[in-house]
C-alpha atoms as a PDB file:
ATOM      1  CA  MET A   1     -30.366   4.271  39.433  1.00  0.00           C
ATOM      2  CA  SER A   2     -30.164   5.520  36.093  1.00  0.00           C
ATOM      3  CA  GLU A   3     -26.669   6.095  34.190  1.00  0.00           C
ATOM      4  CA  ARG A   4     -25.210   9.470  34.418  1.00  0.00           C
ATOM      5  CA  VAL A   5     -25.016  11.293  30.840  1.00  0.00           C
ATOM      6  CA  TRP A   6     -22.062  12.937  29.905  1.00  0.00           C
ATOM      7  CA  ARG A   7     -22.484  16.611  28.861  1.00  0.00           C
ATOM      8  CA  ASP A   8     -19.971  19.144  27.566  1.00  0.00           C
ATOM      9  CA  SER A   9     -19.342  22.875  28.960  1.00  0.00           C
ATOM     10  CA  HIS A  10     -22.186  24.055  27.086  1.00  0.00           C
ATOM     11  CA  ASN A  11     -24.527  21.161  28.358  1.00  0.00           C
ATOM     12  CA  ARG A  12     -24.572  19.033  25.073  1.00  0.00           C
ATOM     13  CA  THR A  13     -24.481  15.355  25.090  1.00  0.00           C
ATOM     14  CA  LEU A  14     -22.586  13.237  22.282  1.00  0.00           C
ATOM     15  CA  GLU A  15     -25.801  12.766  20.312  1.00  0.00           C
ATOM     16  CA  GLU A  16     -26.022  16.620  19.846  1.00  0.00           C
ATOM     17  CA  PHE A  17     -22.867  16.519  17.740  1.00  0.00           C
ATOM     18  CA  VAL A  18     -22.741  16.212  14.138  1.00  0.00           C
ATOM     19  CA  ARG A  19     -20.664  13.148  12.954  1.00  0.00           C
ATOM     20  CA  PRO A  20     -18.871  12.255   9.847  1.00  0.00           C
ATOM     21  CA  SER A  21     -19.212   8.868   8.491  1.00  0.00           C
ATOM     22  CA  VAL A  22     -15.715   6.991   8.686  1.00  0.00           C
ATOM     23  CA  ALA A  23     -14.299   4.915   5.710  1.00  0.00           C
ATOM     24  CA  VAL A  24     -11.190   3.018   5.134  1.00  0.00           C
ATOM     25  CA  ASP A  25      -9.315   3.030   1.862  1.00  0.00           C
ATOM     26  CA  THR A  26      -6.118   0.869   1.146  1.00  0.00           C
ATOM     27  CA  ALA A  27      -3.334   1.447  -1.505  1.00  0.00           C
ATOM     28  CA  VAL A  28      -2.124  -2.174  -2.243  1.00  0.00           C
ATOM     29  CA  LEU A  29       1.075  -1.401  -4.119  1.00  0.00           C
ATOM     30  CA  SER A  30       3.147  -4.167  -6.071  1.00  0.00           C
ATOM     31  CA  LEU A  31       5.674  -4.569  -8.906  1.00  0.00           C
ATOM     32  CA  ASP A  32       4.927  -5.628 -12.610  1.00  0.00           C
ATOM     33  CA  PRO A  33       7.828  -6.333 -15.002  1.00  0.00           C
ATOM     34  CA  GLU A  34       6.562  -4.027 -17.416  1.00  0.00           C
ATOM     35  CA  ALA A  35       4.614  -1.266 -15.691  1.00  0.00           C
ATOM     36  CA  GLY A  36       6.777  -0.871 -12.724  1.00  0.00           C
ATOM     37  CA  LEU A  37       5.145   0.060  -9.444  1.00  0.00           C
ATOM     38  CA  VAL A  38       1.480  -0.696  -9.576  1.00  0.00           C
ATOM     39  CA  VAL A  39      -1.571  -0.145  -7.377  1.00  0.00           C
ATOM     40  CA  LEU A  40      -4.727  -2.421  -7.015  1.00  0.00           C
ATOM     41  CA  GLN A  41      -7.967  -0.915  -8.103  1.00  0.00           C
ATOM     42  CA  VAL A  42     -11.634  -2.149  -7.993  1.00  0.00           C
ATOM     43  CA  ARG A  43     -14.545  -1.423 -10.154  1.00  0.00           C
ATOM     44  CA  ARG A  44     -17.039   0.339  -8.016  1.00  0.00           C
ATOM     45  CA  LEU A  45     -20.221  -1.333  -7.243  1.00  0.00           C
ATOM     46  CA  THR A  46     -22.506   1.525  -7.312  1.00  0.00           C
ATOM     47  CA  GLY A  47     -21.898   4.440  -9.583  1.00  0.00           C
ATOM     48  CA  ARG A  48     -19.134   4.435 -12.412  1.00  0.00           C
ATOM     49  CA  GLY A  49     -15.377   3.979 -12.594  1.00  0.00           C
ATOM     50  CA  TRP A  50     -12.827   2.569 -10.476  1.00  0.00           C
ATOM     51  CA  ALA A  51     -11.476   3.240  -6.896  1.00  0.00           C
ATOM     52  CA  LEU A  52      -9.174   1.898  -4.283  1.00  0.00           C
ATOM     53  CA  PRO A  53     -10.558  -0.997  -2.218  1.00  0.00           C
ATOM     54  CA  GLY A  54     -12.474   0.729   0.576  1.00  0.00           C
ATOM     55  CA  THR A  55     -15.555   0.527   2.598  1.00  0.00           C
ATOM     56  CA  PHE A  56     -17.559   2.574   5.467  1.00  0.00           C
ATOM     57  CA  LEU A  57     -16.823   1.401   8.951  1.00  0.00           C
ATOM     58  CA  HIS A  58     -19.607  -0.757  10.592  1.00  0.00           C
ATOM     59  CA  GLU A  59     -20.953  -0.082  14.314  1.00  0.00           C
ATOM     60  CA  GLY A  60     -18.553  -2.216  16.609  1.00  0.00           C
ATOM     61  CA  GLU A  61     -16.013  -2.937  13.904  1.00  0.00           C
ATOM     62  CA  THR A  62     -12.283  -1.939  13.873  1.00  0.00           C
ATOM     63  CA  LEU A  63     -10.471  -0.335  11.107  1.00  0.00           C
ATOM     64  CA  ALA A  64      -8.353  -3.238  10.806  1.00  0.00           C
ATOM     65  CA  ASP A  65     -11.727  -5.527  10.290  1.00  0.00           C
ATOM     66  CA  ALA A  66     -13.028  -3.044   7.830  1.00  0.00           C
ATOM     67  CA  VAL A  67      -9.829  -3.119   5.732  1.00  0.00           C
ATOM     68  CA  ASP A  68      -9.867  -6.710   5.769  1.00  0.00           C
ATOM     69  CA  ARG A  69     -13.487  -7.014   4.637  1.00  0.00           C
ATOM     70  CA  SER A  70     -13.038  -4.482   1.951  1.00  0.00           C
ATOM     71  CA  LEU A  71     -10.194  -6.478   0.427  1.00  0.00           C
ATOM     72  CA  ARG A  72     -11.933  -9.706   0.938  1.00  0.00           C
ATOM     73  CA  ASP A  73     -15.354  -8.726  -0.561  1.00  0.00           C
ATOM     74  CA  LYS A  74     -14.406  -6.293  -3.328  1.00  0.00           C
ATOM     75  CA  ALA A  75     -10.877  -7.739  -4.299  1.00  0.00           C
ATOM     76  CA  ASN A  76     -11.222 -11.516  -3.063  1.00  0.00           C
ATOM     77  CA  ILE A  77      -7.673 -10.481  -1.611  1.00  0.00           C
ATOM     78  CA  ARG A  78      -7.121 -12.235   2.050  1.00  0.00           C
ATOM     79  CA  GLY A  79      -4.271 -12.331   4.511  1.00  0.00           C
ATOM     80  CA  LEU A  80      -2.777  -8.834   4.274  1.00  0.00           C
ATOM     81  CA  HIS A  81      -2.129  -6.715   7.198  1.00  0.00           C
ATOM     82  CA  PRO A  82      -2.061  -3.035   5.906  1.00  0.00           C
ATOM     83  CA  ARG A  83      -1.068  -0.227   8.138  1.00  0.00           C
ATOM     84  CA  GLN A  84      -2.494   2.936   8.737  1.00  0.00           C
ATOM     85  CA  LEU A  85      -1.127   5.694   6.715  1.00  0.00           C
ATOM     86  CA  HIS A  86      -2.945   8.969   6.910  1.00  0.00           C
ATOM     87  CA  VAL A  87      -6.462  10.326   7.754  1.00  0.00           C
ATOM     88  CA  PHE A  88      -7.877  12.280   4.529  1.00  0.00           C
ATOM     89  CA  ASP A  89     -10.321  14.834   6.140  1.00  0.00           C
ATOM     90  CA  ARG A  90     -11.180  17.734   3.790  1.00  0.00           C
ATOM     91  CA  PRO A  91     -15.004  18.109   4.063  1.00  0.00           C
ATOM     92  CA  GLU A  92     -15.629  18.189   0.610  1.00  0.00           C
ATOM     93  CA  ARG A  93     -13.533  15.166  -0.344  1.00  0.00           C
ATOM     94  CA  ASP A  94     -16.509  12.866  -0.770  1.00  0.00           C
ATOM     95  CA  ASP A  95     -19.682  14.107  -2.746  1.00  0.00           C
ATOM     96  CA  ARG A  96     -21.993  11.627  -0.772  1.00  0.00           C
ATOM     97  CA  GLY A  97     -21.491  13.484   2.441  1.00  0.00           C
ATOM     98  CA  TRP A  98     -19.103  14.317   5.213  1.00  0.00           C
ATOM     99  CA  VAL A  99     -16.779  11.218   5.208  1.00  0.00           C
ATOM    100  CA  LEU A 100     -13.406  10.984   6.738  1.00  0.00           C
ATOM    101  CA  SER A 101     -11.128   8.299   5.068  1.00  0.00           C
ATOM    102  CA  VAL A 102      -8.422   6.459   7.099  1.00  0.00           C
ATOM    103  CA  ALA A 103      -5.977   5.443   4.227  1.00  0.00           C
ATOM    104  CA  HIS A 104      -3.905   2.382   4.458  1.00  0.00           C
ATOM    105  CA  LEU A 105      -0.967   1.176   2.947  1.00  0.00           C
ATOM    106  CA  GLN A 106       0.281  -2.470   1.934  1.00  0.00           C
ATOM    107  CA  VAL A 107       3.093  -3.359  -0.152  1.00  0.00           C
ATOM    108  CA  VAL A 108       3.052  -6.976  -1.676  1.00  0.00           C
ATOM    109  CA  ARG A 109       4.790  -9.317  -3.938  1.00  0.00           C
ATOM    110  CA  PRO A 110       2.575  -9.947  -7.373  1.00  0.00           C
ATOM    111  CA  ASP A 111       1.700 -13.569  -6.291  1.00  0.00           C
ATOM    112  CA  ARG A 112      -0.205 -12.394  -3.256  1.00  0.00           C
ATOM    113  CA  LEU A 113      -2.536 -10.685  -6.055  1.00  0.00           C
ATOM    114  CA  ALA A 114      -2.991 -13.843  -7.921  1.00  0.00           C
ATOM    115  CA  SER A 115      -6.701 -14.893  -6.178  1.00  0.00           C
ATOM    116  CA  ARG A 116      -7.915 -11.067  -7.215  1.00  0.00           C
ATOM    117  CA  PHE A 117     -11.311 -10.957  -8.954  1.00  0.00           C
ATOM    118  CA  PRO A 118     -10.328 -10.817 -12.704  1.00  0.00           C
ATOM    119  CA  ASP A 119     -13.177  -8.646 -14.053  1.00  0.00           C
ATOM    120  CA  THR A 120     -13.757  -6.271 -11.355  1.00  0.00           C
ATOM    121  CA  THR A 121     -10.156  -5.200 -10.280  1.00  0.00           C
ATOM    122  CA  ARG A 122      -7.128  -4.142 -12.311  1.00  0.00           C
ATOM    123  CA  LEU A 123      -3.446  -3.038 -11.677  1.00  0.00           C
ATOM    124  CA  MET A 124      -2.660   0.349 -12.853  1.00  0.00           C
ATOM    125  CA  PRO A 125       0.678   2.218 -12.862  1.00  0.00           C
ATOM    126  CA  ALA A 126       1.059   4.134  -9.685  1.00  0.00           C
ATOM    127  CA  ALA A 127       2.386   7.096 -11.540  1.00  0.00           C
ATOM    128  CA  ALA A 128      -0.604   7.072 -13.984  1.00  0.00           C
ATOM    129  CA  PRO A 129      -3.362   5.470 -12.102  1.00  0.00           C
ATOM    130  CA  GLY A 130      -6.131   6.756 -14.319  1.00  0.00           C
ATOM    131  CA  GLN A 131      -9.205   8.277 -13.202  1.00  0.00           C
ATOM    132  CA  LEU A 132     -10.515   7.626  -9.798  1.00  0.00           C
ATOM    133  CA  THR A 133     -13.320   8.577  -7.691  1.00  0.00           C
ATOM    134  CA  PHE A 134     -13.246  11.100  -4.479  1.00  0.00           C
ATOM    135  CA  ASP A 135      -9.393  11.858  -3.728  1.00  0.00           C
ATOM    136  CA  HIS A 136      -8.081   8.664  -4.370  1.00  0.00           C
ATOM    137  CA  PRO A 137      -5.473   9.865  -6.572  1.00  0.00           C
ATOM    138  CA  GLU A 138      -4.153  11.815  -3.579  1.00  0.00           C
ATOM    139  CA  ILE A 139      -4.108   8.601  -1.368  1.00  0.00           C
ATOM    140  CA  ILE A 140      -2.058   6.914  -4.009  1.00  0.00           C
ATOM    141  CA  LYS A 141       0.392   9.847  -4.217  1.00  0.00           C
ATOM    142  CA  PHE A 142       0.863  10.119  -0.354  1.00  0.00           C
ATOM    143  CA  ALA A 143       1.517   6.087  -0.333  1.00  0.00           C
ATOM    144  CA  VAL A 144       4.083   6.266  -3.031  1.00  0.00           C
ATOM    145  CA  GLU A 145       5.829   9.111  -1.295  1.00  0.00           C
ATOM    146  CA  ASP A 146       5.772   7.107   2.069  1.00  0.00           C
ATOM    147  CA  LEU A 147       7.194   3.992   0.221  1.00  0.00           C
ATOM    148  CA  ARG A 148       9.818   5.781  -1.641  1.00  0.00           C
ATOM    149  CA  ALA A 149      11.027   7.434   1.722  1.00  0.00           C
ATOM    150  CA  ARG A 150      11.384   3.970   3.282  1.00  0.00           C
ATOM    151  CA  TYR A 151      13.301   2.603   0.194  1.00  0.00           C
ATOM    152  CA  ARG A 152      15.731   5.401  -0.085  1.00  0.00           C
ATOM    153  CA  GLY A 153      18.228   3.918   2.293  1.00  0.00           C
ATOM    154  CA  THR A 154      17.203   0.104   2.976  1.00  0.00           C
ATOM    155  CA  PRO A 155      17.161  -2.914   0.767  1.00  0.00           C
ATOM    156  CA  ASP A 156      13.664  -3.788  -0.218  1.00  0.00           C
ATOM    157  CA  PRO A 157      12.327  -3.405   3.360  1.00  0.00           C
ATOM    158  CA  ASP A 158       8.857  -4.639   2.115  1.00  0.00           C
ATOM    159  CA  GLY A 159      10.165  -7.930   0.649  1.00  0.00           C
ATOM    160  CA  LEU A 160       8.858  -7.138  -3.051  1.00  0.00           C
ATOM    161  CA  LEU A 161      11.780  -9.630  -4.036  1.00  0.00           C
ATOM    162  CA  GLY A 162      11.306 -12.444  -1.557  1.00  0.00           C
ATOM    163  CA  GLU A 163      14.502 -13.677   0.446  1.00  0.00           C
ATOM    164  CA  GLU A 164      17.182 -13.905  -2.014  1.00  0.00           C
ATOM    165  CA  PHE A 165      18.088 -11.582  -5.239  1.00  0.00           C
ATOM    166  CA  THR A 166      20.979 -10.361  -7.060  1.00  0.00           C
ATOM    167  CA  GLN A 167      22.328  -6.662  -6.948  1.00  0.00           C
ATOM    168  CA  ARG A 168      20.631  -6.035 -10.313  1.00  0.00           C
ATOM    169  CA  GLU A 169      17.334  -7.312  -9.261  1.00  0.00           C
ATOM    170  CA  LEU A 170      17.501  -5.202  -6.045  1.00  0.00           C
ATOM    171  CA  ARG A 171      18.325  -1.983  -8.012  1.00  0.00           C
ATOM    172  CA  LEU A 172      15.705  -2.569 -10.577  1.00  0.00           C
ATOM    173  CA  ALA A 173      12.978  -3.007  -7.665  1.00  0.00           C
ATOM    174  CA  HIS A 174      14.432   0.308  -6.208  1.00  0.00           C
ATOM    175  CA  GLU A 175      14.427   2.215  -9.354  1.00  0.00           C
ATOM    176  CA  ALA A 176      10.565   0.905  -9.969  1.00  0.00           C
ATOM    177  CA  VAL A 177       9.864   2.226  -6.505  1.00  0.00           C
ATOM    178  CA  ALA A 178      11.730   5.400  -7.201  1.00  0.00           C
ATOM    179  CA  GLY A 179      10.121   6.058 -10.533  1.00  0.00           C
ATOM    180  CA  GLU A 180      13.723   6.895 -12.024  1.00  0.00           C
ATOM    181  CA  PRO A 181      17.007   5.436 -12.670  1.00  0.00           C
ATOM    182  CA  LEU A 182      19.526   5.140  -9.785  1.00  0.00           C
ATOM    183  CA  MET A 183      23.268   5.635  -9.957  1.00  0.00           C
ATOM    184  CA  ARG A 184      24.819   1.993  -9.708  1.00  0.00           C
ATOM    185  CA  ASP A 185      27.817   2.932  -7.772  1.00  0.00           C
ATOM    186  CA  ALA A 186      26.297   4.974  -5.205  1.00  0.00           C
ATOM    187  CA  PHE A 187      23.268   2.347  -4.867  1.00  0.00           C
ATOM    188  CA  ARG A 188      25.875  -0.387  -4.291  1.00  0.00           C
ATOM    189  CA  ARG A 189      27.605   1.631  -1.571  1.00  0.00           C
ATOM    190  CA  THR A 190      24.297   2.388   0.327  1.00  0.00           C
ATOM    191  CA  MET A 191      22.888  -1.066   0.218  1.00  0.00           C
ATOM    192  CA  GLY A 192      25.934  -3.362   0.049  1.00  0.00           C
ATOM    193  CA  PRO A 193      26.829  -2.930   3.919  1.00  0.00           C
ATOM    194  CA  GLN A 194      23.116  -4.113   4.549  1.00  0.00           C
ATOM    195  CA  LEU A 195      23.407  -7.393   2.402  1.00  0.00           C
ATOM    196  CA  ASP A 196      24.825 -10.853   3.159  1.00  0.00           C
ATOM    197  CA  ALA A 197      26.243 -12.991   0.328  1.00  0.00           C
ATOM    198  CA  THR A 198      24.819 -16.448   0.137  1.00  0.00           C
ATOM    199  CA  GLY A 199      27.895 -18.030  -1.663  1.00  0.00           C
ATOM    200  CA  ARG A 200      25.781 -18.873  -4.672  1.00  0.00           C
ATOM    201  CA  THR A 201      25.456 -17.338  -8.041  1.00  0.00           C
ATOM    202  CA  VAL A 202      23.020 -17.451 -10.936  1.00  0.00           C
ATOM    203  CA  VAL A 203      23.245 -16.790 -14.625  1.00  0.00           C
ATOM    204  CA  GLN A 204      21.587 -13.668 -15.810  1.00  0.00           C
ATOM    205  CA  ALA A 205      21.604 -11.665 -19.118  1.00  0.00           C
ATOM    206  CA  ARG A 206      24.433 -12.575 -21.624  1.00  0.00           C
ATOM    207  CA  GLY A 207      25.417 -15.452 -19.513  1.00  0.00           C
ATOM    208  CA  ARG A 208      27.312 -13.807 -16.766  1.00  0.00           C
ATOM    209  CA  PRO A 209      26.978 -15.026 -13.357  1.00  0.00           C
ATOM    210  CA  ALA A 210      25.562 -12.864 -10.658  1.00  0.00           C
ATOM    211  CA  GLU A 211      26.174 -13.140  -6.855  1.00  0.00           C
ATOM    212  CA  VAL A 212      23.027 -13.808  -4.972  1.00  0.00           C
ATOM    213  CA  PHE A 213      22.398 -11.853  -1.661  1.00  0.00           C
ATOM    214  CA  ARG A 214      19.914 -11.893   1.281  1.00  0.00           C
ATOM    215  CA  ARG A 215      19.190  -8.820   3.527  1.00  0.00           C
ATOM    216  CA  THR A 216      21.085  -9.106   6.781  1.00  0.00           C
ATOM    217  CA  LYS A 217      18.786 -10.222   9.724  1.00  0.00           C
ATOM    218  CA  ALA A 218      18.618  -6.628  11.054  1.00  0.00           C
ATOM    219  CA  ARG A 219      17.093  -5.492   7.702  1.00  0.00           C
ATOM    220  CA  ALA A 220      14.790  -8.544   7.015  1.00  0.00           C
ATOM    221  CA  PRO A 221      11.424  -7.442   6.267  1.00  0.00           C
ATOM    222  CA  ARG A 222       8.708  -7.897   8.935  1.00  0.00           C
ATOM    223  CA  ARG A 223       6.102 -10.715   8.321  1.00  0.00           C
END
């Protein structure tokens, strides 16, 4: 007995519909002491220029598997778990044809990028990523806006600073994400209730001791 072939109301099968190619592109964001918020870029293997790490979805592959493959093969980055950010679907976004991009976002500490290929990857300021292919500047902008929204009222939700930090370190990290200075008193009032004192101090600039904090358990970043 033959399998029944699905048809729509106009008697068309799935094979009769024109389908786009599906790609994944990942904005990997981190902090740099000099440049502030930075984004990982890879040199294109074909063509010229730089791009976000990405690839086409293979048959039978999940989006998460495609993201892992692109980060591993193009940047030598492993063990990340980017989350889906947005689908970029303008028909003209890719000059190679009709390609949908399922953009992903990952925010990591700088040491998580230490294994990246030195000659074919680079870290660029997220606010000035340089000339990139396709609509990747738009993806970066979307990723940064998403990140800023989550950092406005929560102390370092992605754990860029690690488990413990001073108030100054926390504020500087949030300023790097925000792309502008923050009012110190207002920042302390917002973040203070979400922090627990460790009882320890460290000596910072000018030899003044600074109290060390950690996020409350309810605010600890997900791993």
